[in-house]
Amino acid sequence: MTYELDINDRPFRAIGAGTKKVEGRTLTDRDDTPYDRMVEGDTIIFTNNVTNERMACAVRFVRKYPDVRSMLTAEGTHDVLSSGLDVEGGIKSYNRLEGYEEGIKKFGIYAIGIKTIHE
């Protein structure tokens, strides 16, 4: 299965550079992607919401966590965050994303392991 997701410029660049290896997502009013159905081998096409560049990534794994702290602790801030923040900063950063604080409380958060597909 192939999924299309928009992403901010900094994490897009970090994925391309291979420094961001896990994308954290939750369901929101603006995003109803079925993260619970993603499986290893699926493809995500990320679109940079600043430059409109596109990048294909293979899904390596999908793990569900009850909250951002659990995800960042288990997956590691260095693999999840493109900002260099620590766990507390990462929690604040995710909660600032539109609809994320409510979505995470209701649905949890998915850690999606990704690897770019170079053609």
C-alpha atoms as a PDB file:
ATOM      1  CA  MET A   1       0.000   0.000   0.000  1.00  0.00           C
ATOM      2  CA  THR A   2       1.169   3.546  -0.684  1.00  0.00           C
ATOM      3  CA  TYR A   3       0.337   6.503   1.565  1.00  0.00           C
ATOM      4  CA  GLU A   4       0.721  10.216   0.795  1.00  0.00           C
ATOM      5  CA  LEU A   5       1.694  12.464   3.722  1.00  0.00           C
ATOM      6  CA  ASP A   6       2.622  16.139   3.969  1.00  0.00           C
ATOM      7  CA  ILE A   7       5.591  16.991   6.160  1.00  0.00           C
ATOM      8  CA  ASN A   8       7.387  20.136   7.326  1.00  0.00           C
ATOM      9  CA  ASP A   9      10.669  21.149   5.701  1.00  0.00           C
ATOM     10  CA  ARG A  10      13.095  20.350   8.556  1.00  0.00           C
ATOM     11  CA  PRO A  11      11.922  16.755   9.133  1.00  0.00           C
ATOM     12  CA  PHE A  12      11.737  16.232   5.356  1.00  0.00           C
ATOM     13  CA  ARG A  13      15.399  17.222   5.053  1.00  0.00           C
ATOM     14  CA  ALA A  14      16.378  15.066   8.050  1.00  0.00           C
ATOM     15  CA  ILE A  15      14.672  12.010   6.546  1.00  0.00           C
ATOM     16  CA  GLY A  16      16.499  12.601   3.278  1.00  0.00           C
ATOM     17  CA  ALA A  17      19.804  12.900   5.137  1.00  0.00           C
ATOM     18  CA  GLY A  18      19.100   9.664   7.015  1.00  0.00           C
ATOM     19  CA  THR A  19      19.186  11.267  10.459  1.00  0.00           C
ATOM     20  CA  LYS A  20      15.420  11.001  11.111  1.00  0.00           C
ATOM     21  CA  LYS A  21      14.477   7.339  11.060  1.00  0.00           C
ATOM     22  CA  VAL A  22      11.095   7.400  12.797  1.00  0.00           C
ATOM     23  CA  GLU A  23       8.073   9.550  11.958  1.00  0.00           C
ATOM     24  CA  GLY A  24       5.543  10.128  14.748  1.00  0.00           C
ATOM     25  CA  ARG A  25       1.906  10.529  13.694  1.00  0.00           C
ATOM     26  CA  THR A  26      -1.557  10.532  15.242  1.00  0.00           C
ATOM     27  CA  LEU A  27      -5.074  10.865  13.895  1.00  0.00           C
ATOM     28  CA  THR A  28      -6.464  14.404  13.794  1.00  0.00           C
ATOM     29  CA  ASP A  29      -9.382  16.216  12.220  1.00  0.00           C
ATOM     30  CA  ARG A  30      -7.053  17.008   9.287  1.00  0.00           C
ATOM     31  CA  ASP A  31      -5.443  13.559   8.996  1.00  0.00           C
ATOM     32  CA  ASP A  32      -7.387  10.316   8.951  1.00  0.00           C
ATOM     33  CA  THR A  33      -4.574   8.144   7.558  1.00  0.00           C
ATOM     34  CA  PRO A  34      -5.059   4.573   8.837  1.00  0.00           C
ATOM     35  CA  TYR A  35      -1.714   4.333  10.655  1.00  0.00           C
ATOM     36  CA  ASP A  36      -2.937   1.220  12.439  1.00  0.00           C
ATOM     37  CA  ARG A  37      -3.073  -0.572   9.071  1.00  0.00           C
ATOM     38  CA  MET A  38       0.411   0.380   7.879  1.00  0.00           C
ATOM     39  CA  VAL A  39       2.780  -2.556   7.698  1.00  0.00           C
ATOM     40  CA  GLU A  40       6.406  -3.226   6.926  1.00  0.00           C
ATOM     41  CA  GLY A  41       6.979  -2.912   3.196  1.00  0.00           C
ATOM     42  CA  ASP A  42       4.337  -0.226   2.612  1.00  0.00           C
ATOM     43  CA  THR A  43       5.466   3.005   0.973  1.00  0.00           C
ATOM     44  CA  ILE A  44       5.008   6.573   2.191  1.00  0.00           C
ATOM     45  CA  ILE A  45       5.380   9.432  -0.269  1.00  0.00           C
ATOM     46  CA  PHE A  46       6.263  12.496   1.800  1.00  0.00           C
ATOM     47  CA  THR A  47       5.556  15.915   0.268  1.00  0.00           C
ATOM     48  CA  ASN A  48       7.517  18.842   1.680  1.00  0.00           C
ATOM     49  CA  ASN A  49       4.849  21.414   2.567  1.00  0.00           C
ATOM     50  CA  VAL A  50       7.264  24.282   1.814  1.00  0.00           C
ATOM     51  CA  THR A  51       8.962  23.222  -1.437  1.00  0.00           C
ATOM     52  CA  ASN A  52       6.509  20.558  -2.709  1.00  0.00           C
ATOM     53  CA  GLU A  53       9.452  18.157  -3.175  1.00  0.00           C
ATOM     54  CA  ARG A  54       8.488  14.514  -2.862  1.00  0.00           C
ATOM     55  CA  MET A  55      10.378  11.600  -1.330  1.00  0.00           C
ATOM     56  CA  ALA A  56       9.516   7.904  -1.197  1.00  0.00           C
ATOM     57  CA  CYS A  57      10.182   5.935   1.974  1.00  0.00           C
ATOM     58  CA  ALA A  58       9.707   2.289   2.849  1.00  0.00           C
ATOM     59  CA  VAL A  59       7.910   1.502   6.090  1.00  0.00           C
ATOM     60  CA  ARG A  60      10.185  -0.606   8.302  1.00  0.00           C
ATOM     61  CA  PHE A  61       7.827  -0.936  11.301  1.00  0.00           C
ATOM     62  CA  VAL A  62       4.818   0.660  12.991  1.00  0.00           C
ATOM     63  CA  ARG A  63       4.550   0.777  16.786  1.00  0.00           C
ATOM     64  CA  LYS A  64       1.732   2.392  18.752  1.00  0.00           C
ATOM     65  CA  TYR A  65       2.413   4.264  21.998  1.00  0.00           C
ATOM     66  CA  PRO A  66      -0.015   5.814  24.485  1.00  0.00           C
ATOM     67  CA  ASP A  67       1.845   9.141  24.539  1.00  0.00           C
ATOM     68  CA  VAL A  68       4.808  11.069  23.134  1.00  0.00           C
ATOM     69  CA  ARG A  69       7.000  10.452  26.194  1.00  0.00           C
ATOM     70  CA  SER A  70       6.672   6.674  25.768  1.00  0.00           C
ATOM     71  CA  MET A  71       7.485   6.911  22.063  1.00  0.00           C
ATOM     72  CA  LEU A  72      10.507   9.178  22.493  1.00  0.00           C
ATOM     73  CA  THR A  73      11.857   7.080  25.366  1.00  0.00           C
ATOM     74  CA  ALA A  74      11.500   3.808  23.454  1.00  0.00           C
ATOM     75  CA  GLU A  75      12.529   4.997  19.976  1.00  0.00           C
ATOM     76  CA  GLY A  76      15.098   7.618  21.006  1.00  0.00           C
ATOM     77  CA  THR A  77      14.896  11.354  20.437  1.00  0.00           C
ATOM     78  CA  HIS A  78      17.818  11.200  17.966  1.00  0.00           C
ATOM     79  CA  ASP A  79      15.805   8.927  15.609  1.00  0.00           C
ATOM     80  CA  VAL A  80      12.427  10.671  15.989  1.00  0.00           C
ATOM     81  CA  LEU A  81      13.122  14.389  16.332  1.00  0.00           C
ATOM     82  CA  SER A  82      14.763  16.490  13.630  1.00  0.00           C
ATOM     83  CA  SER A  83      15.108  19.406  16.049  1.00  0.00           C
ATOM     84  CA  GLY A  84      17.694  17.992  18.440  1.00  0.00           C
ATOM     85  CA  LEU A  85      15.332  18.512  21.374  1.00  0.00           C
ATOM     86  CA  ASP A  86      15.240  16.310  24.460  1.00  0.00           C
ATOM     87  CA  VAL A  87      12.151  14.329  25.559  1.00  0.00           C
ATOM     88  CA  GLU A  88      10.485  17.293  27.311  1.00  0.00           C
ATOM     89  CA  GLY A  89      11.099  19.575  24.336  1.00  0.00           C
ATOM     90  CA  GLY A  90       9.833  16.878  21.981  1.00  0.00           C
ATOM     91  CA  ILE A  91       6.594  16.526  23.933  1.00  0.00           C
ATOM     92  CA  LYS A  92       6.019  20.288  23.726  1.00  0.00           C
ATOM     93  CA  SER A  93       6.857  20.258  20.012  1.00  0.00           C
ATOM     94  CA  TYR A  94       4.344  17.500  19.213  1.00  0.00           C
ATOM     95  CA  ASN A  95       1.656  19.172  21.347  1.00  0.00           C
ATOM     96  CA  ARG A  96       2.071  22.373  19.297  1.00  0.00           C
ATOM     97  CA  LEU A  97       1.127  20.561  16.071  1.00  0.00           C
ATOM     98  CA  GLU A  98      -2.481  21.235  15.105  1.00  0.00           C
ATOM     99  CA  GLY A  99      -4.775  18.598  16.604  1.00  0.00           C
ATOM    100  CA  TYR A 100      -1.954  16.451  18.012  1.00  0.00           C
ATOM    101  CA  GLU A 101      -2.495  16.958  21.737  1.00  0.00           C
ATOM    102  CA  GLU A 102      -6.153  15.916  21.427  1.00  0.00           C
ATOM    103  CA  GLY A 103      -5.443  13.168  18.882  1.00  0.00           C
ATOM    104  CA  ILE A 104      -2.732  11.573  21.022  1.00  0.00           C
ATOM    105  CA  LYS A 105      -4.991  11.549  24.099  1.00  0.00           C
ATOM    106  CA  LYS A 106      -7.730   9.873  22.072  1.00  0.00           C
ATOM    107  CA  PHE A 107      -5.792   7.563  19.716  1.00  0.00           C
ATOM    108  CA  GLY A 108      -2.183   7.362  20.964  1.00  0.00           C
ATOM    109  CA  ILE A 109       0.768   8.035  18.680  1.00  0.00           C
ATOM    110  CA  TYR A 110       2.324   5.828  16.013  1.00  0.00           C
ATOM    111  CA  ALA A 111       6.072   5.542  15.563  1.00  0.00           C
ATOM    112  CA  ILE A 112       6.640   4.708  11.901  1.00  0.00           C
ATOM    113  CA  GLY A 113      10.114   3.440  11.068  1.00  0.00           C
ATOM    114  CA  ILE A 114      11.138   4.734   7.641  1.00  0.00           C
ATOM    115  CA  LYS A 115      13.974   4.416   5.161  1.00  0.00           C
ATOM    116  CA  THR A 116      14.275   6.410   1.962  1.00  0.00           C
ATOM    117  CA  ILE A 117      13.896   4.543  -1.302  1.00  0.00           C
ATOM    118  CA  HIS A 118      16.616   5.611  -3.703  1.00  0.00           C
ATOM    119  CA  GLU A 119      15.769   4.929  -7.303  1.00  0.00           C
END
